[in-house]
Amino acid sequence: MNQVTIETQLQNLVKRRDELRRLNEQSIALNQLLRRLSENLEIDHLAKEMVSFLSEQFGIQYYVIFRRKSNGNFTFYHSNAEIGVSHESVEMLQNFSMAGSNDNLHSAVCNRKRYIYFKDIKRSAKSESEINVMKTFPIRTLLIFP
């Protein structure tokens, strides 16, 4: 009985060590990203660096980037997620805008100034505009940065 407990504790310690290593690697990657972002504050550079980071750290292959305007509203910026969707859906996405109100997740993230990450999400959202995008595109992962 005592041997089982020691083995279990050892397994738990190994898991915890591996988790700490993973967190350390993520922290290093985030610090490197922040340094690269501060070198050039042009929106195109920022978007390129974010896409590279998301791909490396989260394994996100296809993405849609919205940017927050000075009035708080969100508008389409860039995407590579047009594969396998209709031309009308792509146009809908490119013409998409969302009010910066309290009824959408994007605004909540920006107000909290902390990112959220959902993997294998259900097709639901808070605001009608978010729901329309989720219905049109096969979104499985949601990562929102402020």
Protein backbone atom coordinates (compact mmCIF):
# COMPACT_ATOMS: atom_id res chain seq x y z
CA MET A 1 0.00 0.00 0.00
CA ASN A 2 2.77 2.40 0.91
CA GLN A 3 4.62 1.57 -2.33
CA VAL A 4 1.52 2.49 -4.38
CA THR A 5 1.25 5.82 -2.62
CA ILE A 6 4.91 6.64 -3.28
CA GLU A 7 4.56 5.68 -6.95
CA THR A 8 1.41 7.78 -7.27
CA GLN A 9 3.12 10.75 -5.65
CA LEU A 10 6.10 10.33 -7.94
CA GLN A 11 3.83 10.23 -11.01
CA ASN A 12 2.07 13.38 -9.80
CA LEU A 13 5.41 15.13 -9.32
CA VAL A 14 6.53 14.19 -12.82
CA LYS A 15 3.25 15.51 -14.27
CA ARG A 16 3.61 18.73 -12.31
CA ARG A 17 7.24 19.13 -13.45
CA ASP A 18 6.20 18.67 -17.07
CA GLU A 19 3.40 21.20 -16.64
CA LEU A 20 5.81 23.73 -15.12
CA ARG A 21 8.21 23.23 -18.03
CA ARG A 22 5.38 23.82 -20.50
CA LEU A 23 4.32 26.97 -18.65
CA ASN A 24 7.92 28.20 -18.61
CA GLU A 25 8.23 27.65 -22.37
CA GLN A 26 4.97 29.54 -22.93
CA SER A 27 6.18 32.39 -20.75
CA ILE A 28 9.45 32.61 -22.69
CA ALA A 29 7.54 32.60 -25.99
CA LEU A 30 5.20 35.33 -24.77
CA ASN A 31 8.11 37.50 -23.61
CA GLN A 32 9.77 37.09 -27.01
CA LEU A 33 6.50 38.05 -28.70
CA LEU A 34 6.17 41.17 -26.56
CA ARG A 35 9.71 42.22 -27.47
CA ARG A 36 9.01 41.74 -31.19
CA LEU A 37 5.74 43.65 -30.90
CA SER A 38 7.35 46.61 -29.16
CA GLU A 39 9.92 46.92 -31.97
CA ASN A 40 7.30 48.02 -34.48
CA LEU A 41 3.79 49.18 -33.60
CA GLU A 42 2.44 49.14 -37.17
CA ILE A 43 -0.82 47.17 -37.30
CA ASP A 44 0.42 44.93 -40.13
CA HIS A 45 3.53 43.99 -38.16
CA LEU A 46 1.49 43.36 -35.00
CA ALA A 47 -0.96 41.13 -36.88
CA LYS A 48 1.85 39.15 -38.54
CA GLU A 49 3.59 38.55 -35.21
CA MET A 50 0.33 37.54 -33.50
CA VAL A 51 -0.51 35.06 -36.26
CA SER A 52 2.95 33.51 -36.00
CA PHE A 53 2.66 33.29 -32.21
CA LEU A 54 -0.81 31.75 -32.32
CA SER A 55 0.29 29.19 -34.85
CA GLU A 56 3.37 28.19 -32.84
CA GLN A 57 1.87 28.23 -29.35
CA PHE A 58 -1.72 27.18 -29.91
CA GLY A 59 -1.49 25.22 -33.15
CA ILE A 60 -4.08 27.48 -34.77
CA GLN A 61 -3.96 26.97 -38.52
CA TYR A 62 -6.78 29.23 -39.74
CA TYR A 63 -7.66 32.53 -38.18
CA VAL A 64 -9.78 35.64 -38.40
CA ILE A 65 -8.45 38.90 -36.99
CA PHE A 66 -10.74 41.72 -35.94
CA ARG A 67 -9.43 44.99 -34.67
CA ARG A 68 -10.95 47.39 -32.22
CA LYS A 69 -11.43 50.90 -33.53
CA SER A 70 -11.05 54.02 -31.41
CA ASN A 71 -14.84 54.16 -30.92
CA GLY A 72 -14.76 50.66 -29.37
CA ASN A 73 -16.34 48.86 -32.33
CA PHE A 74 -14.72 45.82 -33.94
CA THR A 75 -14.14 45.45 -37.67
CA PHE A 76 -12.65 42.77 -39.87
CA TYR A 77 -8.91 43.08 -40.41
CA HIS A 78 -7.53 39.88 -41.96
CA SER A 79 -8.24 36.18 -42.35
CA ASN A 80 -6.94 33.05 -43.96
CA ALA A 81 -10.10 31.10 -43.04
CA GLU A 82 -11.81 31.42 -46.43
CA ILE A 83 -11.02 27.83 -47.40
CA GLY A 84 -14.14 25.74 -47.90
CA VAL A 85 -16.68 28.51 -47.39
CA SER A 86 -18.82 30.27 -49.94
CA HIS A 87 -17.94 33.60 -51.54
CA GLU A 88 -20.99 35.13 -49.84
CA SER A 89 -19.74 33.96 -46.44
CA VAL A 90 -16.33 35.49 -47.07
CA GLU A 91 -17.96 38.78 -48.08
CA MET A 92 -20.12 38.66 -44.96
CA LEU A 93 -17.02 38.23 -42.83
CA GLN A 94 -15.13 41.04 -44.57
CA ASN A 95 -18.08 43.40 -44.09
CA PHE A 96 -18.58 42.29 -40.51
CA SER A 97 -18.51 44.80 -37.70
CA MET A 98 -19.53 44.49 -34.11
CA ALA A 99 -20.50 47.22 -31.70
CA GLY A 100 -18.22 47.57 -28.72
CA SER A 101 -20.93 46.96 -26.15
CA ASN A 102 -21.17 44.86 -23.02
CA ASP A 103 -23.18 42.15 -24.79
CA ASN A 104 -20.28 40.55 -26.65
CA LEU A 105 -17.31 38.49 -25.60
CA HIS A 106 -14.79 40.57 -27.54
CA SER A 107 -15.62 43.72 -25.57
CA ALA A 108 -15.53 41.84 -22.29
CA VAL A 109 -12.01 40.59 -23.09
CA CYS A 110 -10.81 44.08 -24.01
CA ASN A 111 -12.32 45.54 -20.85
CA ARG A 112 -10.66 42.87 -18.67
CA LYS A 113 -7.38 43.21 -20.60
CA ARG A 114 -6.85 39.44 -20.42
CA TYR A 115 -7.09 36.91 -23.21
CA ILE A 116 -9.50 33.98 -23.25
CA TYR A 117 -8.99 30.65 -24.94
CA PHE A 118 -11.68 28.05 -25.61
CA LYS A 119 -10.85 24.79 -27.35
CA ASP A 120 -13.58 22.63 -28.96
CA ILE A 121 -16.22 25.26 -28.28
CA LYS A 122 -19.92 24.83 -28.81
CA ARG A 123 -21.56 26.98 -31.46
CA SER A 124 -22.85 29.70 -29.20
CA ALA A 125 -21.95 33.27 -28.42
CA LYS A 126 -23.27 36.23 -26.50
CA SER A 127 -24.14 38.75 -29.20
CA GLU A 128 -26.12 38.28 -32.41
CA SER A 129 -23.17 39.39 -34.55
CA GLU A 130 -20.92 36.80 -32.91
CA ILE A 131 -23.60 34.14 -33.41
CA ASN A 132 -23.81 34.96 -37.14
CA VAL A 133 -20.06 34.45 -37.59
CA MET A 134 -20.15 31.18 -35.62
CA LYS A 135 -22.97 29.88 -37.82
CA THR A 136 -21.11 30.74 -41.02
CA PHE A 137 -17.61 29.52 -40.19
CA PRO A 138 -16.62 26.17 -38.68
CA ILE A 139 -14.99 27.70 -35.61
CA ARG A 140 -13.63 25.10 -33.19
CA THR A 141 -11.22 27.21 -31.16
CA LEU A 142 -11.72 30.73 -29.90
CA LEU A 143 -8.82 32.85 -28.75
CA ILE A 144 -9.44 36.53 -28.10
CA PHE A 145 -6.61 38.91 -27.23
CA PRO A 146 -7.35 42.42 -25.96
